[in-house]
């Protein structure tokens, strides 16, 4: 495995309040794509940040 260097992505634990109906949709999408709820939320946030009108650096 020459050249492979595993890295640890730093993550921070947070708590959010979310509408129950929205959470149901998130859970369904996560289940349909076989990823965790956490990963689905991360990907949604990442997409929103990258596609916001403001185009702020992330």
PDB file of N, CA and C in Angstrom:
ATOM      1  N   UNK A   1       0.835  -1.191   0.000  1.00  0.00           N
ATOM      2  CA  UNK A   1       0.000   0.000   0.000  1.00  0.00           C
ATOM      3  C   UNK A   1       0.871   1.242   0.000  1.00  0.00           C
ATOM      4  N   UNK A   2       1.787   1.289  -0.892  1.00  0.00           N
ATOM      5  CA  UNK A   2       2.682   2.423  -1.007  1.00  0.00           C
ATOM      6  C   UNK A   2       1.911   3.675  -1.411  1.00  0.00           C
ATOM      7  N   UNK A   3       2.100   4.760  -0.693  1.00  0.00           N
ATOM      8  CA  UNK A   3       1.444   6.018  -1.014  1.00  0.00           C
ATOM      9  C   UNK A   3       0.129   6.236  -0.293  1.00  0.00           C
ATOM     10  N   UNK A   4      -0.408   5.203   0.343  1.00  0.00           N
ATOM     11  CA  UNK A   4      -1.663   5.372   1.076  1.00  0.00           C
ATOM     12  C   UNK A   4      -1.383   5.929   2.453  1.00  0.00           C
ATOM     13  N   UNK A   5      -2.006   7.068   2.758  1.00  0.00           N
ATOM     14  CA  UNK A   5      -1.841   7.681   4.075  1.00  0.00           C
ATOM     15  C   UNK A   5      -3.224   7.985   4.639  1.00  0.00           C
ATOM     16  N   UNK A   6      -3.716   7.131   5.526  1.00  0.00           N
ATOM     17  CA  UNK A   6      -5.037   7.383   6.103  1.00  0.00           C
ATOM     18  C   UNK A   6      -5.022   8.656   6.935  1.00  0.00           C
ATOM     19  N   UNK A   7      -6.113   9.384   6.872  1.00  0.00           N
ATOM     20  CA  UNK A   7      -6.242  10.598   7.670  1.00  0.00           C
ATOM     21  C   UNK A   7      -7.511  10.509   8.506  1.00  0.00           C
ATOM     22  N   UNK A   8      -7.508  11.192   9.600  1.00  0.00           N
ATOM     23  CA  UNK A   8      -8.685  11.235  10.465  1.00  0.00           C
ATOM     24  C   UNK A   8      -9.341  12.599  10.292  1.00  0.00           C
ATOM     25  N   UNK A   9     -10.553  12.599   9.765  1.00  0.00           N
ATOM     26  CA  UNK A   9     -11.299  13.843   9.642  1.00  0.00           C
ATOM     27  C   UNK A   9     -11.859  14.215  11.002  1.00  0.00           C
ATOM     28  N   UNK A  10     -11.526  15.386  11.454  1.00  0.00           N
ATOM     29  CA  UNK A  10     -12.020  15.846  12.745  1.00  0.00           C
ATOM     30  C   UNK A  10     -13.496  16.207  12.635  1.00  0.00           C
ATOM     31  N   UNK A  11     -14.273  15.720  13.547  1.00  0.00           N
ATOM     32  CA  UNK A  11     -15.698  16.029  13.595  1.00  0.00           C
ATOM     33  C   UNK A  11     -16.036  16.505  15.004  1.00  0.00           C
ATOM     34  N   UNK A  12     -17.066  17.305  15.101  1.00  0.00           N
ATOM     35  CA  UNK A  12     -17.523  17.831  16.379  1.00  0.00           C
ATOM     36  C   UNK A  12     -18.955  17.376  16.600  1.00  0.00           C
ATOM     37  N   UNK A  13     -19.237  16.922  17.793  1.00  0.00           N
ATOM     38  CA  UNK A  13     -20.585  16.507  18.142  1.00  0.00           C
ATOM     39  C   UNK A  13     -21.406  17.759  18.465  1.00  0.00           C
ATOM     40  N   UNK A  14     -22.589  17.856  17.825  1.00  0.00           N
ATOM     41  CA  UNK A  14     -23.499  18.967  18.085  1.00  0.00           C
ATOM     42  C   UNK A  14     -24.902  18.410  18.317  1.00  0.00           C
ATOM     43  N   UNK A  15     -25.772  19.258  18.778  1.00  0.00           N
ATOM     44  CA  UNK A  15     -27.170  18.881  18.955  1.00  0.00           C
ATOM     45  C   UNK A  15     -28.028  19.915  18.229  1.00  0.00           C
ATOM     46  N   UNK A  16     -29.035  19.436  17.472  1.00  0.00           N
ATOM     47  CA  UNK A  16     -29.939  20.350  16.785  1.00  0.00           C
ATOM     48  C   UNK A  16     -31.382  19.924  17.037  1.00  0.00           C
ATOM     49  N   UNK A  17     -32.271  20.862  16.894  1.00  0.00           N
ATOM     50  CA  UNK A  17     -33.701  20.555  16.943  1.00  0.00           C
ATOM     51  C   UNK A  17     -34.206  20.629  15.508  1.00  0.00           C
ATOM     52  N   UNK A  18     -34.958  19.625  15.101  1.00  0.00           N
ATOM     53  CA  UNK A  18     -35.413  19.544  13.719  1.00  0.00           C
ATOM     54  C   UNK A  18     -36.875  19.103  13.691  1.00  0.00           C
ATOM     55  N   UNK A  19     -37.600  19.646  12.754  1.00  0.00           N
ATOM     56  CA  UNK A  19     -39.002  19.289  12.585  1.00  0.00           C
ATOM     57  C   UNK A  19     -39.138  17.782  12.365  1.00  0.00           C
ATOM     58  N   UNK A  20     -40.097  17.183  13.019  1.00  0.00           N
ATOM     59  CA  UNK A  20     -40.292  15.731  12.951  1.00  0.00           C
ATOM     60  C   UNK A  20     -40.531  15.248  11.525  1.00  0.00           C
ATOM     61  N   UNK A  21     -41.318  15.990  10.750  1.00  0.00           N
ATOM     62  CA  UNK A  21     -41.592  15.590   9.367  1.00  0.00           C
ATOM     63  C   UNK A  21     -40.323  15.641   8.515  1.00  0.00           C
ATOM     64  N   UNK A  22     -39.477  16.650   8.761  1.00  0.00           N
ATOM     65  CA  UNK A  22     -38.223  16.751   8.030  1.00  0.00           C
ATOM     66  C   UNK A  22     -37.304  15.584   8.375  1.00  0.00           C
ATOM     67  N   UNK A  23     -37.291  15.219   9.633  1.00  0.00           N
ATOM     68  CA  UNK A  23     -36.466  14.094  10.062  1.00  0.00           C
ATOM     69  C   UNK A  23     -36.936  12.793   9.414  1.00  0.00           C
ATOM     70  N   UNK A  24     -38.224  12.638   9.262  1.00  0.00           N
ATOM     71  CA  UNK A  24     -38.767  11.456   8.596  1.00  0.00           C
ATOM     72  C   UNK A  24     -38.270  11.375   7.159  1.00  0.00           C
ATOM     73  N   UNK A  25     -38.280  12.506   6.460  1.00  0.00           N
ATOM     74  CA  UNK A  25     -37.795  12.541   5.078  1.00  0.00           C
ATOM     75  C   UNK A  25     -36.302  12.230   5.041  1.00  0.00           C
ATOM     76  N   UNK A  26     -35.534  12.807   5.949  1.00  0.00           N
ATOM     77  CA  UNK A  26     -34.090  12.545   6.009  1.00  0.00           C
ATOM     78  C   UNK A  26     -33.836  11.064   6.247  1.00  0.00           C
ATOM     79  N   UNK A  27     -34.560  10.484   7.192  1.00  0.00           N
ATOM     80  CA  UNK A  27     -34.385   9.058   7.484  1.00  0.00           C
ATOM     81  C   UNK A  27     -34.737   8.190   6.282  1.00  0.00           C
ATOM     82  N   UNK A  28     -35.794   8.547   5.562  1.00  0.00           N
ATOM     83  CA  UNK A  28     -36.184   7.774   4.378  1.00  0.00           C
ATOM     84  C   UNK A  28     -35.110   7.867   3.295  1.00  0.00           C
ATOM     85  N   UNK A  29     -34.597   9.070   3.059  1.00  0.00           N
ATOM     86  CA  UNK A  29     -33.546   9.238   2.058  1.00  0.00           C
ATOM     87  C   UNK A  29     -32.282   8.473   2.451  1.00  0.00           C
ATOM     88  N   UNK A  30     -31.925   8.551   3.726  1.00  0.00           N
ATOM     89  CA  UNK A  30     -30.733   7.836   4.203  1.00  0.00           C
ATOM     90  C   UNK A  30     -30.917   6.333   4.021  1.00  0.00           C
ATOM     91  N   UNK A  31     -32.081   5.849   4.370  1.00  0.00           N
ATOM     92  CA  UNK A  31     -32.362   4.418   4.220  1.00  0.00           C
ATOM     93  C   UNK A  31     -32.323   3.991   2.752  1.00  0.00           C
ATOM     94  N   UNK A  32     -32.925   4.804   1.887  1.00  0.00           N
ATOM     95  CA  UNK A  32     -32.970   4.482   0.455  1.00  0.00           C
ATOM     96  C   UNK A  32     -31.580   4.448  -0.172  1.00  0.00           C
ATOM     97  N   UNK A  33     -30.657   5.231   0.354  1.00  0.00           N
ATOM     98  CA  UNK A  33     -29.307   5.298  -0.217  1.00  0.00           C
ATOM     99  C   UNK A  33     -28.298   4.514   0.612  1.00  0.00           C
ATOM    100  N   UNK A  34     -28.779   3.830   1.657  1.00  0.00           N
ATOM    101  CA  UNK A  34     -27.944   2.978   2.502  1.00  0.00           C
ATOM    102  C   UNK A  34     -26.788   3.735   3.150  1.00  0.00           C
ATOM    103  N   UNK A  35     -27.099   4.936   3.683  1.00  0.00           N
ATOM    104  CA  UNK A  35     -26.122   5.676   4.474  1.00  0.00           C
ATOM    105  C   UNK A  35     -26.769   6.048   5.797  1.00  0.00           C
ATOM    106  N   UNK A  36     -25.976   6.462   6.749  1.00  0.00           N
ATOM    107  CA  UNK A  36     -26.510   6.806   8.059  1.00  0.00           C
ATOM    108  C   UNK A  36     -27.237   8.156   8.012  1.00  0.00           C
ATOM    109  N   UNK A  37     -28.082   8.368   8.982  1.00  0.00           N
ATOM    110  CA  UNK A  37     -28.754   9.656   9.125  1.00  0.00           C
ATOM    111  C   UNK A  37     -27.714  10.769   9.226  1.00  0.00           C
ATOM    112  N   UNK A  38     -26.688  10.544  10.022  1.00  0.00           N
ATOM    113  CA  UNK A  38     -25.641  11.543  10.211  1.00  0.00           C
ATOM    114  C   UNK A  38     -24.975  11.892   8.880  1.00  0.00           C
ATOM    115  N   UNK A  39     -24.615  10.880   8.110  1.00  0.00           N
ATOM    116  CA  UNK A  39     -23.956  11.137   6.824  1.00  0.00           C
ATOM    117  C   UNK A  39     -24.893  11.867   5.870  1.00  0.00           C
ATOM    118  N   UNK A  40     -26.180  11.532   5.881  1.00  0.00           N
ATOM    119  CA  UNK A  40     -27.148  12.226   5.024  1.00  0.00           C
ATOM    120  C   UNK A  40     -27.219  13.708   5.390  1.00  0.00           C
ATOM    121  N   UNK A  41     -27.287  14.002   6.672  1.00  0.00           N
ATOM    122  CA  UNK A  41     -27.362  15.395   7.116  1.00  0.00           C
ATOM    123  C   UNK A  41     -26.090  16.141   6.732  1.00  0.00           C
ATOM    124  N   UNK A  42     -24.930  15.510   6.923  1.00  0.00           N
ATOM    125  CA  UNK A  42     -23.660  16.140   6.548  1.00  0.00           C
ATOM    126  C   UNK A  42     -23.644  16.455   5.052  1.00  0.00           C
ATOM    127  N   UNK A  43     -24.068  15.500   4.238  1.00  0.00           N
ATOM    128  CA  UNK A  43     -24.064  15.715   2.793  1.00  0.00           C
ATOM    129  C   UNK A  43     -25.057  16.798   2.375  1.00  0.00           C
ATOM    130  N   UNK A  44     -26.198  16.861   3.038  1.00  0.00           N
ATOM    131  CA  UNK A  44     -27.178  17.917   2.737  1.00  0.00           C
ATOM    132  C   UNK A  44     -26.622  19.294   3.093  1.00  0.00           C
ATOM    133  N   UNK A  45     -26.002  19.396   4.250  1.00  0.00           N
ATOM    134  CA  UNK A  45     -25.404  20.669   4.662  1.00  0.00           C
ATOM    135  C   UNK A  45     -24.290  21.060   3.702  1.00  0.00           C
ATOM    136  N   UNK A  46     -23.437  20.103   3.345  1.00  0.00           N
ATOM    137  CA  UNK A  46     -22.344  20.367   2.420  1.00  0.00           C
ATOM    138  C   UNK A  46     -22.885  20.872   1.081  1.00  0.00           C
ATOM    139  N   UNK A  47     -23.906  20.220   0.569  1.00  0.00           N
ATOM    140  CA  UNK A  47     -24.513  20.630  -0.702  1.00  0.00           C
ATOM    141  C   UNK A  47     -25.081  22.045  -0.593  1.00  0.00           C
ATOM    142  N   UNK A  48     -25.799  22.316   0.485  1.00  0.00           N
ATOM    143  CA  UNK A  48     -26.400  23.641   0.671  1.00  0.00           C
ATOM    144  C   UNK A  48     -25.327  24.730   0.739  1.00  0.00           C
ATOM    145  N   UNK A  49     -24.257  24.459   1.451  1.00  0.00           N
ATOM    146  CA  UNK A  49     -23.186  25.450   1.568  1.00  0.00           C
ATOM    147  C   UNK A  49     -22.490  25.689   0.233  1.00  0.00           C
ATOM    148  N   UNK A  50     -22.256  24.633  -0.502  1.00  0.00           N
ATOM    149  CA  UNK A  50     -21.576  24.773  -1.795  1.00  0.00           C
ATOM    150  C   UNK A  50     -22.464  25.414  -2.856  1.00  0.00           C
ATOM    151  N   UNK A  51     -23.769  25.359  -2.677  1.00  0.00           N
ATOM    152  CA  UNK A  51     -24.693  25.868  -3.679  1.00  0.00           C
ATOM    153  C   UNK A  51     -25.486  27.082  -3.214  1.00  0.00           C
ATOM    154  N   UNK A  52     -25.066  27.692  -2.126  1.00  0.00           N
ATOM    155  CA  UNK A  52     -25.766  28.885  -1.649  1.00  0.00           C
ATOM    156  C   UNK A  52     -25.485  30.057  -2.580  1.00  0.00           C
ATOM    157  N   UNK A  53     -26.382  30.991  -2.639  1.00  0.00           N
ATOM    158  CA  UNK A  53     -26.214  32.164  -3.496  1.00  0.00           C
ATOM    159  C   UNK A  53     -25.017  32.998  -3.070  1.00  0.00           C
ATOM    160  N   UNK A  54     -24.726  32.952  -1.802  1.00  0.00           N
ATOM    161  CA  UNK A  54     -23.620  33.742  -1.272  1.00  0.00           C
ATOM    162  C   UNK A  54     -22.263  33.175  -1.697  1.00  0.00           C
ATOM    163  N   UNK A  55     -22.209  31.867  -1.984  1.00  0.00           N
ATOM    164  CA  UNK A  55     -20.975  31.187  -2.363  1.00  0.00           C
ATOM    165  C   UNK A  55     -19.828  31.482  -1.394  1.00  0.00           C
ATOM    166  N   UNK A  56     -20.109  31.318  -0.109  1.00  0.00           N
ATOM    167  CA  UNK A  56     -19.094  31.524   0.903  1.00  0.00           C
ATOM    168  C   UNK A  56     -18.105  30.381   0.874  1.00  0.00           C
ATOM    169  N   UNK A  57     -16.867  30.687   1.185  1.00  0.00           N
ATOM    170  CA  UNK A  57     -15.829  29.648   1.229  1.00  0.00           C
ATOM    171  C   UNK A  57     -16.091  28.698   2.376  1.00  0.00           C
ATOM    172  N   UNK A  58     -15.993  27.418   2.096  1.00  0.00           N
ATOM    173  CA  UNK A  58     -16.181  26.391   3.136  1.00  0.00           C
ATOM    174  C   UNK A  58     -14.878  25.690   3.370  1.00  0.00           C
TER     175      UNK A  58
END
